[in-house]
Amino acid sequence: LGRLIVFLPLDAQLWLGRQLGRVAFRFMDKERDVARRNYE
């Protein structure tokens, strides 16, 4: 998948990366809570 995605324009690749980040935000609860506390 990574080898294929590289052929896309960079901004299209980064859009896919942002969607991956949205999924991670939902499921990585420990890291999400740690980030919230660090910002506080």
PDB file of all heavy atoms in Angstrom:
ATOM      1  N   LEU A   1       0.831  -1.197   0.000  1.00  0.00           N
ATOM      2  CA  LEU A   1       0.000   0.000   0.000  1.00  0.00           C
ATOM      3  C   LEU A   1       0.869   1.251   0.000  1.00  0.00           C
ATOM      4  O   LEU A   1       0.615   2.219  -0.723  1.00  0.00           O
ATOM      5  CB  LEU A   1      -0.934   0.002   1.209  1.00  0.00           C
ATOM      6  CG  LEU A   1      -2.183  -0.888   1.128  1.00  0.00           C
ATOM      7  CD1 LEU A   1      -2.920  -0.882   2.472  1.00  0.00           C
ATOM      8  CD2 LEU A   1      -3.113  -0.413   0.014  1.00  0.00           C
ATOM      9  N   GLY A   2       1.920   1.216   0.846  1.00  0.00           N
ATOM     10  CA  GLY A   2       2.832   2.350   0.910  1.00  0.00           C
ATOM     11  C   GLY A   2       3.543   2.599  -0.409  1.00  0.00           C
ATOM     12  O   GLY A   2       3.695   3.752  -0.845  1.00  0.00           O
ATOM     13  N   ARG A   3       3.953   1.517  -1.085  1.00  0.00           N
ATOM     14  CA  ARG A   3       4.630   1.678  -2.373  1.00  0.00           C
ATOM     15  C   ARG A   3       3.700   2.264  -3.425  1.00  0.00           C
ATOM     16  O   ARG A   3       4.135   3.027  -4.295  1.00  0.00           O
ATOM     17  CB  ARG A   3       5.164   0.321  -2.852  1.00  0.00           C
ATOM     18  CG  ARG A   3       6.258  -0.298  -1.985  1.00  0.00           C
ATOM     19  CD  ARG A   3       7.497   0.570  -1.912  1.00  0.00           C
ATOM     20  NE  ARG A   3       8.125   0.841  -3.167  1.00  0.00           N
ATOM     21  CZ  ARG A   3       9.251   0.253  -3.606  1.00  0.00           C
ATOM     22  NH1 ARG A   3       9.846  -0.659  -2.848  1.00  0.00           N
ATOM     23  NH2 ARG A   3       9.791   0.584  -4.751  1.00  0.00           N
ATOM     24  N   LEU A   4       2.414   1.914  -3.353  1.00  0.00           N
ATOM     25  CA  LEU A   4       1.449   2.438  -4.321  1.00  0.00           C
ATOM     26  C   LEU A   4       1.066   3.883  -4.025  1.00  0.00           C
ATOM     27  O   LEU A   4       0.940   4.715  -4.935  1.00  0.00           O
ATOM     28  CB  LEU A   4       0.201   1.556  -4.337  1.00  0.00           C
ATOM     29  CG  LEU A   4       0.370   0.151  -4.928  1.00  0.00           C
ATOM     30  CD1 LEU A   4      -0.883  -0.678  -4.706  1.00  0.00           C
ATOM     31  CD2 LEU A   4       0.701   0.229  -6.422  1.00  0.00           C
ATOM     32  N   ILE A   5       0.868   4.209  -2.747  1.00  0.00           N
ATOM     33  CA  ILE A   5       0.455   5.553  -2.356  1.00  0.00           C
ATOM     34  C   ILE A   5       1.471   6.597  -2.783  1.00  0.00           C
ATOM     35  O   ILE A   5       1.116   7.752  -3.088  1.00  0.00           O
ATOM     36  CB  ILE A   5       0.219   5.595  -0.829  1.00  0.00           C
ATOM     37  CG1 ILE A   5      -1.066   4.842  -0.468  1.00  0.00           C
ATOM     38  CG2 ILE A   5       0.141   7.039  -0.315  1.00  0.00           C
ATOM     39  CD1 ILE A   5      -1.264   4.645   1.022  1.00  0.00           C
ATOM     40  N   VAL A   6       2.749   6.230  -2.834  1.00  0.00           N
ATOM     41  CA  VAL A   6       3.807   7.175  -3.185  1.00  0.00           C
ATOM     42  C   VAL A   6       3.577   7.803  -4.561  1.00  0.00           C
ATOM     43  O   VAL A   6       4.024   8.930  -4.817  1.00  0.00           O
ATOM     44  CB  VAL A   6       5.190   6.469  -3.126  1.00  0.00           C
ATOM     45  CG1 VAL A   6       6.247   7.230  -3.894  1.00  0.00           C
ATOM     46  CG2 VAL A   6       5.621   6.314  -1.680  1.00  0.00           C
ATOM     47  N   PHE A   7       2.859   7.119  -5.438  1.00  0.00           N
ATOM     48  CA  PHE A   7       2.632   7.660  -6.778  1.00  0.00           C
ATOM     49  C   PHE A   7       1.602   8.789  -6.783  1.00  0.00           C
ATOM     50  O   PHE A   7       1.485   9.515  -7.766  1.00  0.00           O
ATOM     51  CB  PHE A   7       2.185   6.542  -7.729  1.00  0.00           C
ATOM     52  CG  PHE A   7       3.277   5.552  -8.032  1.00  0.00           C
ATOM     53  CD1 PHE A   7       3.306   4.315  -7.406  1.00  0.00           C
ATOM     54  CD2 PHE A   7       4.292   5.871  -8.921  1.00  0.00           C
ATOM     55  CE1 PHE A   7       4.314   3.409  -7.670  1.00  0.00           C
ATOM     56  CE2 PHE A   7       5.312   4.972  -9.198  1.00  0.00           C
ATOM     57  CZ  PHE A   7       5.326   3.736  -8.573  1.00  0.00           C
ATOM     58  N   LEU A   8       0.853   8.949  -5.680  1.00  0.00           N
ATOM     59  CA  LEU A   8      -0.113  10.036  -5.585  1.00  0.00           C
ATOM     60  C   LEU A   8       0.605  11.363  -5.342  1.00  0.00           C
ATOM     61  O   LEU A   8       1.729  11.390  -4.838  1.00  0.00           O
ATOM     62  CB  LEU A   8      -1.081   9.780  -4.430  1.00  0.00           C
ATOM     63  CG  LEU A   8      -2.011   8.572  -4.535  1.00  0.00           C
ATOM     64  CD1 LEU A   8      -2.772   8.394  -3.220  1.00  0.00           C
ATOM     65  CD2 LEU A   8      -2.976   8.748  -5.701  1.00  0.00           C
ATOM     66  N   PRO A   9      -0.047  12.490  -5.661  1.00  0.00           N
ATOM     67  CA  PRO A   9       0.516  13.784  -5.258  1.00  0.00           C
ATOM     68  C   PRO A   9       0.702  13.815  -3.737  1.00  0.00           C
ATOM     69  O   PRO A   9      -0.071  13.197  -2.999  1.00  0.00           O
ATOM     70  CB  PRO A   9      -0.536  14.789  -5.718  1.00  0.00           C
ATOM     71  CG  PRO A   9      -1.299  14.094  -6.787  1.00  0.00           C
ATOM     72  CD  PRO A   9      -1.302  12.642  -6.426  1.00  0.00           C
ATOM     73  N   LEU A  10       1.697  14.552  -3.272  1.00  0.00           N
ATOM     74  CA  LEU A  10       2.005  14.567  -1.850  1.00  0.00           C
ATOM     75  C   LEU A  10       0.801  15.001  -1.011  1.00  0.00           C
ATOM     76  O   LEU A  10       0.514  14.390   0.028  1.00  0.00           O
ATOM     77  CB  LEU A  10       3.191  15.489  -1.566  1.00  0.00           C
ATOM     78  CG  LEU A  10       3.544  15.643  -0.084  1.00  0.00           C
ATOM     79  CD1 LEU A  10       3.888  14.306   0.552  1.00  0.00           C
ATOM     80  CD2 LEU A  10       4.691  16.636   0.097  1.00  0.00           C
ATOM     81  N   ASP A  11       0.081  16.036  -1.433  1.00  0.00           N
ATOM     82  CA  ASP A  11      -1.048  16.495  -0.628  1.00  0.00           C
ATOM     83  C   ASP A  11      -2.145  15.439  -0.534  1.00  0.00           C
ATOM     84  O   ASP A  11      -2.845  15.348   0.488  1.00  0.00           O
ATOM     85  CB  ASP A  11      -1.611  17.804  -1.192  1.00  0.00           C
ATOM     86  CG  ASP A  11      -0.755  19.010  -0.805  1.00  0.00           C
ATOM     87  OD1 ASP A  11      -0.020  18.904   0.201  1.00  0.00           O
ATOM     88  OD2 ASP A  11      -0.827  20.044  -1.488  1.00  0.00           O
ATOM     89  N   ALA A  12      -2.316  14.629  -1.571  1.00  0.00           N
ATOM     90  CA  ALA A  12      -3.286  13.528  -1.498  1.00  0.00           C
ATOM     91  C   ALA A  12      -2.800  12.479  -0.492  1.00  0.00           C
ATOM     92  O   ALA A  12      -3.594  11.920   0.273  1.00  0.00           O
ATOM     93  CB  ALA A  12      -3.475  12.895  -2.880  1.00  0.00           C
ATOM     94  N   GLN A  13      -1.502  12.222  -0.467  1.00  0.00           N
ATOM     95  CA  GLN A  13      -0.953  11.282   0.517  1.00  0.00           C
ATOM     96  C   GLN A  13      -1.172  11.799   1.942  1.00  0.00           C
ATOM     97  O   GLN A  13      -1.550  11.045   2.843  1.00  0.00           O
ATOM     98  CB  GLN A  13       0.544  11.081   0.269  1.00  0.00           C
ATOM     99  CG  GLN A  13       0.881  10.425  -1.048  1.00  0.00           C
ATOM    100  CD  GLN A  13       2.376  10.265  -1.230  1.00  0.00           C
ATOM    101  OE1 GLN A  13       3.072   9.752  -0.340  1.00  0.00           O
ATOM    102  NE2 GLN A  13       2.898  10.719  -2.356  1.00  0.00           N
ATOM    103  N   LEU A  14      -0.949  13.098   2.129  1.00  0.00           N
ATOM    104  CA  LEU A  14      -1.116  13.663   3.464  1.00  0.00           C
ATOM    105  C   LEU A  14      -2.577  13.660   3.889  1.00  0.00           C
ATOM    106  O   LEU A  14      -2.867  13.501   5.087  1.00  0.00           O
ATOM    107  CB  LEU A  14      -0.557  15.095   3.492  1.00  0.00           C
ATOM    108  CG  LEU A  14       0.956  15.195   3.279  1.00  0.00           C
ATOM    109  CD1 LEU A  14       1.401  16.663   3.259  1.00  0.00           C
ATOM    110  CD2 LEU A  14       1.722  14.437   4.350  1.00  0.00           C
ATOM    111  N   TRP A  15      -3.500  13.806   2.942  1.00  0.00           N
ATOM    112  CA  TRP A  15      -4.934  13.697   3.274  1.00  0.00           C
ATOM    113  C   TRP A  15      -5.224  12.300   3.810  1.00  0.00           C
ATOM    114  O   TRP A  15      -5.934  12.141   4.807  1.00  0.00           O
ATOM    115  CB  TRP A  15      -5.781  13.985   2.046  1.00  0.00           C
ATOM    116  CG  TRP A  15      -7.249  13.903   2.335  1.00  0.00           C
ATOM    117  CD1 TRP A  15      -8.061  14.900   2.803  1.00  0.00           C
ATOM    118  CD2 TRP A  15      -8.086  12.748   2.195  1.00  0.00           C
ATOM    119  NE1 TRP A  15      -9.357  14.439   2.969  1.00  0.00           N
ATOM    120  CE2 TRP A  15      -9.397  13.121   2.602  1.00  0.00           C
ATOM    121  CE3 TRP A  15      -7.864  11.440   1.764  1.00  0.00           C
ATOM    122  CZ2 TRP A  15     -10.469  12.222   2.578  1.00  0.00           C
ATOM    123  CZ3 TRP A  15      -8.926  10.549   1.747  1.00  0.00           C
ATOM    124  CH2 TRP A  15     -10.206  10.938   2.155  1.00  0.00           C
ATOM    125  N   LEU A  16      -4.662  11.272   3.181  1.00  0.00           N
ATOM    126  CA  LEU A  16      -4.838   9.907   3.677  1.00  0.00           C
ATOM    127  C   LEU A  16      -4.226   9.763   5.068  1.00  0.00           C
ATOM    128  O   LEU A  16      -4.787   9.090   5.939  1.00  0.00           O
ATOM    129  CB  LEU A  16      -4.189   8.911   2.705  1.00  0.00           C
ATOM    130  CG  LEU A  16      -4.876   8.757   1.349  1.00  0.00           C
ATOM    131  CD1 LEU A  16      -4.028   7.881   0.435  1.00  0.00           C
ATOM    132  CD2 LEU A  16      -6.267   8.153   1.512  1.00  0.00           C
ATOM    133  N   GLY A  17      -3.078  10.413   5.269  1.00  0.00           N
ATOM    134  CA  GLY A  17      -2.447  10.364   6.587  1.00  0.00           C
ATOM    135  C   GLY A  17      -3.315  10.992   7.665  1.00  0.00           C
ATOM    136  O   GLY A  17      -3.404  10.488   8.788  1.00  0.00           O
ATOM    137  N   ARG A  18      -3.967  12.088   7.322  1.00  0.00           N
ATOM    138  CA  ARG A  18      -4.865  12.740   8.285  1.00  0.00           C
ATOM    139  C   ARG A  18      -6.030  11.812   8.655  1.00  0.00           C
ATOM    140  O   ARG A  18      -6.455  11.771   9.812  1.00  0.00           O
ATOM    141  CB  ARG A  18      -5.398  14.053   7.722  1.00  0.00           C
ATOM    142  CG  ARG A  18      -4.368  15.171   7.600  1.00  0.00           C
ATOM    143  CD  ARG A  18      -5.028  16.475   7.161  1.00  0.00           C
ATOM    144  NE  ARG A  18      -5.875  17.002   8.223  1.00  0.00           N
ATOM    145  CZ  ARG A  18      -5.451  17.826   9.188  1.00  0.00           C
ATOM    146  NH1 ARG A  18      -4.186  18.218   9.218  1.00  0.00           N
ATOM    147  NH2 ARG A  18      -6.287  18.263  10.110  1.00  0.00           N
ATOM    148  N   GLN A  19      -6.547  11.068   7.677  1.00  0.00           N
ATOM    149  CA  GLN A  19      -7.640  10.141   7.985  1.00  0.00           C
ATOM    150  C   GLN A  19      -7.147   9.027   8.901  1.00  0.00           C
ATOM    151  O   GLN A  19      -7.861   8.596   9.814  1.00  0.00           O
ATOM    152  CB  GLN A  19      -8.220   9.550   6.688  1.00  0.00           C
ATOM    153  CG  GLN A  19      -8.627  10.567   5.632  1.00  0.00           C
ATOM    154  CD  GLN A  19      -9.290  11.809   6.200  1.00  0.00           C
ATOM    155  OE1 GLN A  19     -10.303  11.735   6.910  1.00  0.00           O
ATOM    156  NE2 GLN A  19      -8.712  12.972   5.894  1.00  0.00           N
ATOM    157  N   LEU A  20      -5.930   8.570   8.673  1.00  0.00           N
ATOM    158  CA  LEU A  20      -5.332   7.584   9.564  1.00  0.00           C
ATOM    159  C   LEU A  20      -5.214   8.141  10.977  1.00  0.00           C
ATOM    160  O   LEU A  20      -5.483   7.457  11.969  1.00  0.00           O
ATOM    161  CB  LEU A  20      -3.947   7.176   9.034  1.00  0.00           C
ATOM    162  CG  LEU A  20      -3.155   6.158   9.868  1.00  0.00           C
ATOM    163  CD1 LEU A  20      -3.899   4.832   9.951  1.00  0.00           C
ATOM    164  CD2 LEU A  20      -1.764   5.956   9.256  1.00  0.00           C
ATOM    165  N   GLY A  21      -4.841   9.422  11.078  1.00  0.00           N
ATOM    166  CA  GLY A  21      -4.747  10.075  12.380  1.00  0.00           C
ATOM    167  C   GLY A  21      -6.090  10.179  13.075  1.00  0.00           C
ATOM    168  O   GLY A  21      -6.186  10.050  14.291  1.00  0.00           O
ATOM    169  N   ARG A  22      -7.149  10.410  12.304  1.00  0.00           N
ATOM    170  CA  ARG A  22      -8.489  10.469  12.896  1.00  0.00           C
ATOM    171  C   ARG A  22      -8.888   9.124  13.499  1.00  0.00           C
ATOM    172  O   ARG A  22      -9.497   9.068  14.573  1.00  0.00           O
ATOM    173  CB  ARG A  22      -9.508  10.866  11.823  1.00  0.00           C
ATOM    174  CG  ARG A  22      -9.439  12.336  11.428  1.00  0.00           C
ATOM    175  CD  ARG A  22     -10.538  12.659  10.441  1.00  0.00           C
ATOM    176  NE  ARG A  22     -10.536  14.086  10.091  1.00  0.00           N
ATOM    177  CZ  ARG A  22     -11.399  14.651   9.257  1.00  0.00           C
ATOM    178  NH1 ARG A  22     -12.339  13.887   8.680  1.00  0.00           N
ATOM    179  NH2 ARG A  22     -11.344  15.930   8.995  1.00  0.00           N
ATOM    180  N   VAL A  23      -8.549   8.053  12.799  1.00  0.00           N
ATOM    181  CA  VAL A  23      -8.837   6.719  13.333  1.00  0.00           C
ATOM    182  C   VAL A  23      -8.047   6.486  14.610  1.00  0.00           C
ATOM    183  O   VAL A  23      -8.565   5.976  15.608  1.00  0.00           O
ATOM    184  CB  VAL A  23      -8.518   5.637  12.279  1.00  0.00           C
ATOM    185  CG1 VAL A  23      -8.655   4.239  12.873  1.00  0.00           C
ATOM    186  CG2 VAL A  23      -9.426   5.793  11.060  1.00  0.00           C
ATOM    187  N   ALA A  24      -6.768   6.870  14.583  1.00  0.00           N
ATOM    188  CA  ALA A  24      -5.929   6.693  15.767  1.00  0.00           C
ATOM    189  C   ALA A  24      -6.464   7.489  16.951  1.00  0.00           C
ATOM    190  O   ALA A  24      -6.431   7.025  18.100  1.00  0.00           O
ATOM    191  CB  ALA A  24      -4.490   7.117  15.456  1.00  0.00           C
ATOM    192  N   PHE A  25      -6.984   8.687  16.698  1.00  0.00           N
ATOM    193  CA  PHE A  25      -7.546   9.515  17.768  1.00  0.00           C
ATOM    194  C   PHE A  25      -8.692   8.789  18.470  1.00  0.00           C
ATOM    195  O   PHE A  25      -8.853   8.882  19.688  1.00  0.00           O
ATOM    196  CB  PHE A  25      -8.040  10.843  17.183  1.00  0.00           C
ATOM    197  CG  PHE A  25      -8.697  11.748  18.182  1.00  0.00           C
ATOM    198  CD1 PHE A  25      -7.932  12.587  18.976  1.00  0.00           C
ATOM    199  CD2 PHE A  25     -10.076  11.765  18.334  1.00  0.00           C
ATOM    200  CE1 PHE A  25      -8.527  13.432  19.906  1.00  0.00           C
ATOM    201  CE2 PHE A  25     -10.690  12.600  19.257  1.00  0.00           C
ATOM    202  CZ  PHE A  25      -9.912  13.426  20.054  1.00  0.00           C
ATOM    203  N   ARG A  26      -9.478   8.059  17.736  1.00  0.00           N
ATOM    204  CA  ARG A  26     -10.618   7.355  18.315  1.00  0.00           C
ATOM    205  C   ARG A  26     -10.192   6.155  19.158  1.00  0.00           C
ATOM    206  O   ARG A  26     -10.838   5.852  20.166  1.00  0.00           O
ATOM    207  CB  ARG A  26     -11.559   6.883  17.204  1.00  0.00           C
ATOM    208  CG  ARG A  26     -12.336   7.988  16.526  1.00  0.00           C
ATOM    209  CD  ARG A  26     -13.411   7.405  15.641  1.00  0.00           C
ATOM    210  NE  ARG A  26     -14.367   6.607  16.422  1.00  0.00           N
ATOM    211  CZ  ARG A  26     -15.306   5.853  15.886  1.00  0.00           C
ATOM    212  NH1 ARG A  26     -15.434   5.791  14.563  1.00  0.00           N
ATOM    213  NH2 ARG A  26     -16.139   5.160  16.652  1.00  0.00           N
ATOM    214  N   PHE A  27      -9.145   5.460  18.733  1.00  0.00           N
ATOM    215  CA  PHE A  27      -8.837   4.179  19.350  1.00  0.00           C
ATOM    216  C   PHE A  27      -7.615   4.198  20.275  1.00  0.00           C
ATOM    217  O   PHE A  27      -7.478   3.323  21.125  1.00  0.00           O
ATOM    218  CB  PHE A  27      -8.634   3.111  18.270  1.00  0.00           C
ATOM    219  CG  PHE A  27      -9.901   2.770  17.536  1.00  0.00           C
ATOM    220  CD1 PHE A  27     -10.165   3.318  16.287  1.00  0.00           C
ATOM    221  CD2 PHE A  27     -10.843   1.933  18.106  1.00  0.00           C
ATOM    222  CE1 PHE A  27     -11.333   3.020  15.611  1.00  0.00           C
ATOM    223  CE2 PHE A  27     -12.017   1.620  17.443  1.00  0.00           C
ATOM    224  CZ  PHE A  27     -12.269   2.167  16.198  1.00  0.00           C
ATOM    225  N   MET A  28      -6.724   5.162  20.150  1.00  0.00           N
ATOM    226  CA  MET A  28      -5.531   5.210  21.008  1.00  0.00           C
ATOM    227  C   MET A  28      -5.852   6.060  22.234  1.00  0.00           C
ATOM    228  O   MET A  28      -5.404   7.193  22.374  1.00  0.00           O
ATOM    229  CB  MET A  28      -4.347   5.762  20.215  1.00  0.00           C
ATOM    230  CG  MET A  28      -3.928   4.873  19.054  1.00  0.00           C
ATOM    231  SD  MET A  28      -2.586   5.556  18.041  1.00  0.00           S
ATOM    232  CE  MET A  28      -1.213   5.560  19.208  1.00  0.00           C
ATOM    233  N   ASP A  29      -6.644   5.489  23.127  1.00  0.00           N
ATOM    234  CA  ASP A  29      -7.173   6.285  24.235  1.00  0.00           C
ATOM    235  C   ASP A  29      -6.086   6.725  25.213  1.00  0.00           C
ATOM    236  O   ASP A  29      -6.120   7.849  25.717  1.00  0.00           O
ATOM    237  CB  ASP A  29      -8.286   5.532  24.964  1.00  0.00           C
ATOM    238  CG  ASP A  29      -7.920   4.090  25.291  1.00  0.00           C
ATOM    239  OD1 ASP A  29      -6.841   3.626  24.863  1.00  0.00           O
ATOM    240  OD2 ASP A  29      -8.722   3.422  25.957  1.00  0.00           O
ATOM    241  N   LYS A  30      -5.117   5.875  25.497  1.00  0.00           N
ATOM    242  CA  LYS A  30      -4.054   6.275  26.420  1.00  0.00           C
ATOM    243  C   LYS A  30      -3.276   7.460  25.853  1.00  0.00           C
ATOM    244  O   LYS A  30      -3.066   8.466  26.543  1.00  0.00           O
ATOM    245  CB  LYS A  30      -3.096   5.115  26.679  1.00  0.00           C
ATOM    246  CG  LYS A  30      -1.955   5.481  27.646  1.00  0.00           C
ATOM    247  CD  LYS A  30      -0.966   4.348  27.832  1.00  0.00           C
ATOM    248  CE  LYS A  30      -0.052   4.179  26.649  1.00  0.00           C
ATOM    249  NZ  LYS A  30       1.051   3.225  26.920  1.00  0.00           N
ATOM    250  N   GLU A  31      -2.842   7.340  24.606  1.00  0.00           N
ATOM    251  CA  GLU A  31      -2.051   8.408  23.994  1.00  0.00           C
ATOM    252  C   GLU A  31      -2.866   9.696  23.873  1.00  0.00           C
ATOM    253  O   GLU A  31      -2.330  10.794  24.050  1.00  0.00           O
ATOM    254  CB  GLU A  31      -1.554   7.958  22.614  1.00  0.00           C
ATOM    255  CG  GLU A  31      -0.467   6.905  22.640  1.00  0.00           C
ATOM    256  CD  GLU A  31      -0.991   5.501  22.921  1.00  0.00           C
ATOM    257  OE1 GLU A  31      -2.245   5.315  22.959  1.00  0.00           O
ATOM    258  OE2 GLU A  31      -0.176   4.587  23.114  1.00  0.00           O
ATOM    259  N   ARG A  32      -4.164   9.557  23.580  1.00  0.00           N
ATOM    260  CA  ARG A  32      -5.026  10.738  23.487  1.00  0.00           C
ATOM    261  C   ARG A  32      -5.126  11.450  24.833  1.00  0.00           C
ATOM    262  O   ARG A  32      -5.014  12.684  24.917  1.00  0.00           O
ATOM    263  CB  ARG A  32      -6.416  10.310  23.011  1.00  0.00           C
ATOM    264  CG  ARG A  32      -7.388  11.476  22.815  1.00  0.00           C
ATOM    265  CD  ARG A  32      -8.758  10.957  22.384  1.00  0.00           C
ATOM    266  NE  ARG A  32      -9.372  10.119  23.415  1.00  0.00           N
ATOM    267  CZ  ARG A  32      -9.768   8.863  23.221  1.00  0.00           C
ATOM    268  NH1 ARG A  32      -9.622   8.278  22.046  1.00  0.00           N
ATOM    269  NH2 ARG A  32     -10.328   8.177  24.211  1.00  0.00           N
ATOM    270  N   ASP A  33      -5.311  10.659  25.901  1.00  0.00           N
ATOM    271  CA  ASP A  33      -5.429  11.265  27.230  1.00  0.00           C
ATOM    272  C   ASP A  33      -4.110  11.880  27.692  1.00  0.00           C
ATOM    273  O   ASP A  33      -4.092  12.929  28.336  1.00  0.00           O
ATOM    274  CB  ASP A  33      -5.894  10.216  28.242  1.00  0.00           C
ATOM    275  CG  ASP A  33      -7.336   9.782  27.999  1.00  0.00           C
ATOM    276  OD1 ASP A  33      -8.052  10.487  27.272  1.00  0.00           O
ATOM    277  OD2 ASP A  33      -7.732   8.721  28.525  1.00  0.00           O
ATOM    278  N   VAL A  34      -2.995  11.236  27.356  1.00  0.00           N
ATOM    279  CA  VAL A  34      -1.681  11.784  27.705  1.00  0.00           C
ATOM    280  C   VAL A  34      -1.453  13.104  26.977  1.00  0.00           C
ATOM    281  O   VAL A  34      -0.967  14.082  27.562  1.00  0.00           O
ATOM    282  CB  VAL A  34      -0.563  10.775  27.372  1.00  0.00           C
ATOM    283  CG1 VAL A  34       0.813  11.445  27.397  1.00  0.00           C
ATOM    284  CG2 VAL A  34      -0.589   9.607  28.361  1.00  0.00           C
ATOM    285  N   ALA A  35      -1.807  13.162  25.695  1.00  0.00           N
ATOM    286  CA  ALA A  35      -1.634  14.407  24.930  1.00  0.00           C
ATOM    287  C   ALA A  35      -2.480  15.527  25.533  1.00  0.00           C
ATOM    288  O   ALA A  35      -2.014  16.674  25.652  1.00  0.00           O
ATOM    289  CB  ALA A  35      -2.003  14.181  23.472  1.00  0.00           C
ATOM    290  N   ARG A  36      -3.708  15.212  25.920  1.00  0.00           N
ATOM    291  CA  ARG A  36      -4.565  16.231  26.549  1.00  0.00           C
ATOM    292  C   ARG A  36      -3.930  16.768  27.823  1.00  0.00           C
ATOM    293  O   ARG A  36      -3.903  17.980  28.050  1.00  0.00           O
ATOM    294  CB  ARG A  36      -5.930  15.618  26.855  1.00  0.00           C
ATOM    295  CG  ARG A  36      -6.837  15.474  25.651  1.00  0.00           C
ATOM    296  CD  ARG A  36      -8.088  14.699  25.998  1.00  0.00           C
ATOM    297  NE  ARG A  36      -9.039  14.687  24.879  1.00  0.00           N
ATOM    298  CZ  ARG A  36      -9.990  13.775  24.727  1.00  0.00           C
ATOM    299  NH1 ARG A  36     -10.122  12.798  25.623  1.00  0.00           N
ATOM    300  NH2 ARG A  36     -10.805  13.837  23.694  1.00  0.00           N
ATOM    301  N   ARG A  37      -3.421  15.865  28.650  1.00  0.00           N
ATOM    302  CA  ARG A  37      -2.806  16.311  29.900  1.00  0.00           C
ATOM    303  C   ARG A  37      -1.540  17.117  29.645  1.00  0.00           C
ATOM    304  O   ARG A  37      -1.284  18.121  30.319  1.00  0.00           O
ATOM    305  CB  ARG A  37      -2.515  15.090  30.783  1.00  0.00           C
ATOM    306  CG  ARG A  37      -2.005  15.431  32.187  1.00  0.00           C
ATOM    307  CD  ARG A  37      -3.013  16.238  32.999  1.00  0.00           C
ATOM    308  NE  ARG A  37      -4.314  15.579  33.084  1.00  0.00           N
ATOM    309  CZ  ARG A  37      -4.622  14.667  34.018  1.00  0.00           C
ATOM    310  NH1 ARG A  37      -3.735  14.293  34.915  1.00  0.00           N
ATOM    311  NH2 ARG A  37      -5.831  14.138  34.037  1.00  0.00           N
ATOM    312  N   ASN A  38      -0.738  16.693  28.666  1.00  0.00           N
ATOM    313  CA  ASN A  38       0.476  17.440  28.345  1.00  0.00           C
ATOM    314  C   ASN A  38       0.162  18.862  27.916  1.00  0.00           C
ATOM    315  O   ASN A  38       0.857  19.817  28.293  1.00  0.00           O
ATOM    316  CB  ASN A  38       1.260  16.721  27.239  1.00  0.00           C
ATOM    317  CG  ASN A  38       2.052  15.538  27.754  1.00  0.00           C
ATOM    318  OD1 ASN A  38       2.388  15.469  28.940  1.00  0.00           O
ATOM    319  ND2 ASN A  38       2.340  14.590  26.884  1.00  0.00           N
ATOM    320  N   TYR A  39      -0.899  19.039  27.120  1.00  0.00           N
ATOM    321  CA  TYR A  39      -1.281  20.393  26.704  1.00  0.00           C
ATOM    322  C   TYR A  39      -1.772  21.207  27.893  1.00  0.00           C
ATOM    323  O   TYR A  39      -1.520  22.417  27.976  1.00  0.00           O
ATOM    324  CB  TYR A  39      -2.349  20.330  25.619  1.00  0.00           C
ATOM    325  CG  TYR A  39      -1.787  20.222  24.228  1.00  0.00           C
ATOM    326  CD1 TYR A  39      -2.149  19.177  23.384  1.00  0.00           C
ATOM    327  CD2 TYR A  39      -0.888  21.170  23.736  1.00  0.00           C
ATOM    328  CE1 TYR A  39      -1.633  19.070  22.096  1.00  0.00           C
ATOM    329  CE2 TYR A  39      -0.364  21.079  22.459  1.00  0.00           C
ATOM    330  CZ  TYR A  39      -0.742  20.020  21.648  1.00  0.00           C
ATOM    331  OH  TYR A  39      -0.221  19.928  20.384  1.00  0.00           O
ATOM    332  N   GLU A  40      -2.483  20.578  28.823  1.00  0.00           N
ATOM    333  CA  GLU A  40      -2.927  21.291  30.028  1.00  0.00           C
ATOM    334  C   GLU A  40      -1.724  21.773  30.836  1.00  0.00           C
ATOM    335  O   GLU A  40      -1.728  22.879  31.379  1.00  0.00           O
ATOM    336  CB  GLU A  40      -3.784  20.366  30.889  1.00  0.00           C
ATOM    337  CG  GLU A  40      -5.143  20.042  30.303  1.00  0.00           C
ATOM    338  CD  GLU A  40      -5.874  18.980  31.110  1.00  0.00           C
ATOM    339  OE1 GLU A  40      -5.309  18.519  32.138  1.00  0.00           O
ATOM    340  OE2 GLU A  40      -6.994  18.604  30.730  1.00  0.00           O
TER     341      GLU A  40
END
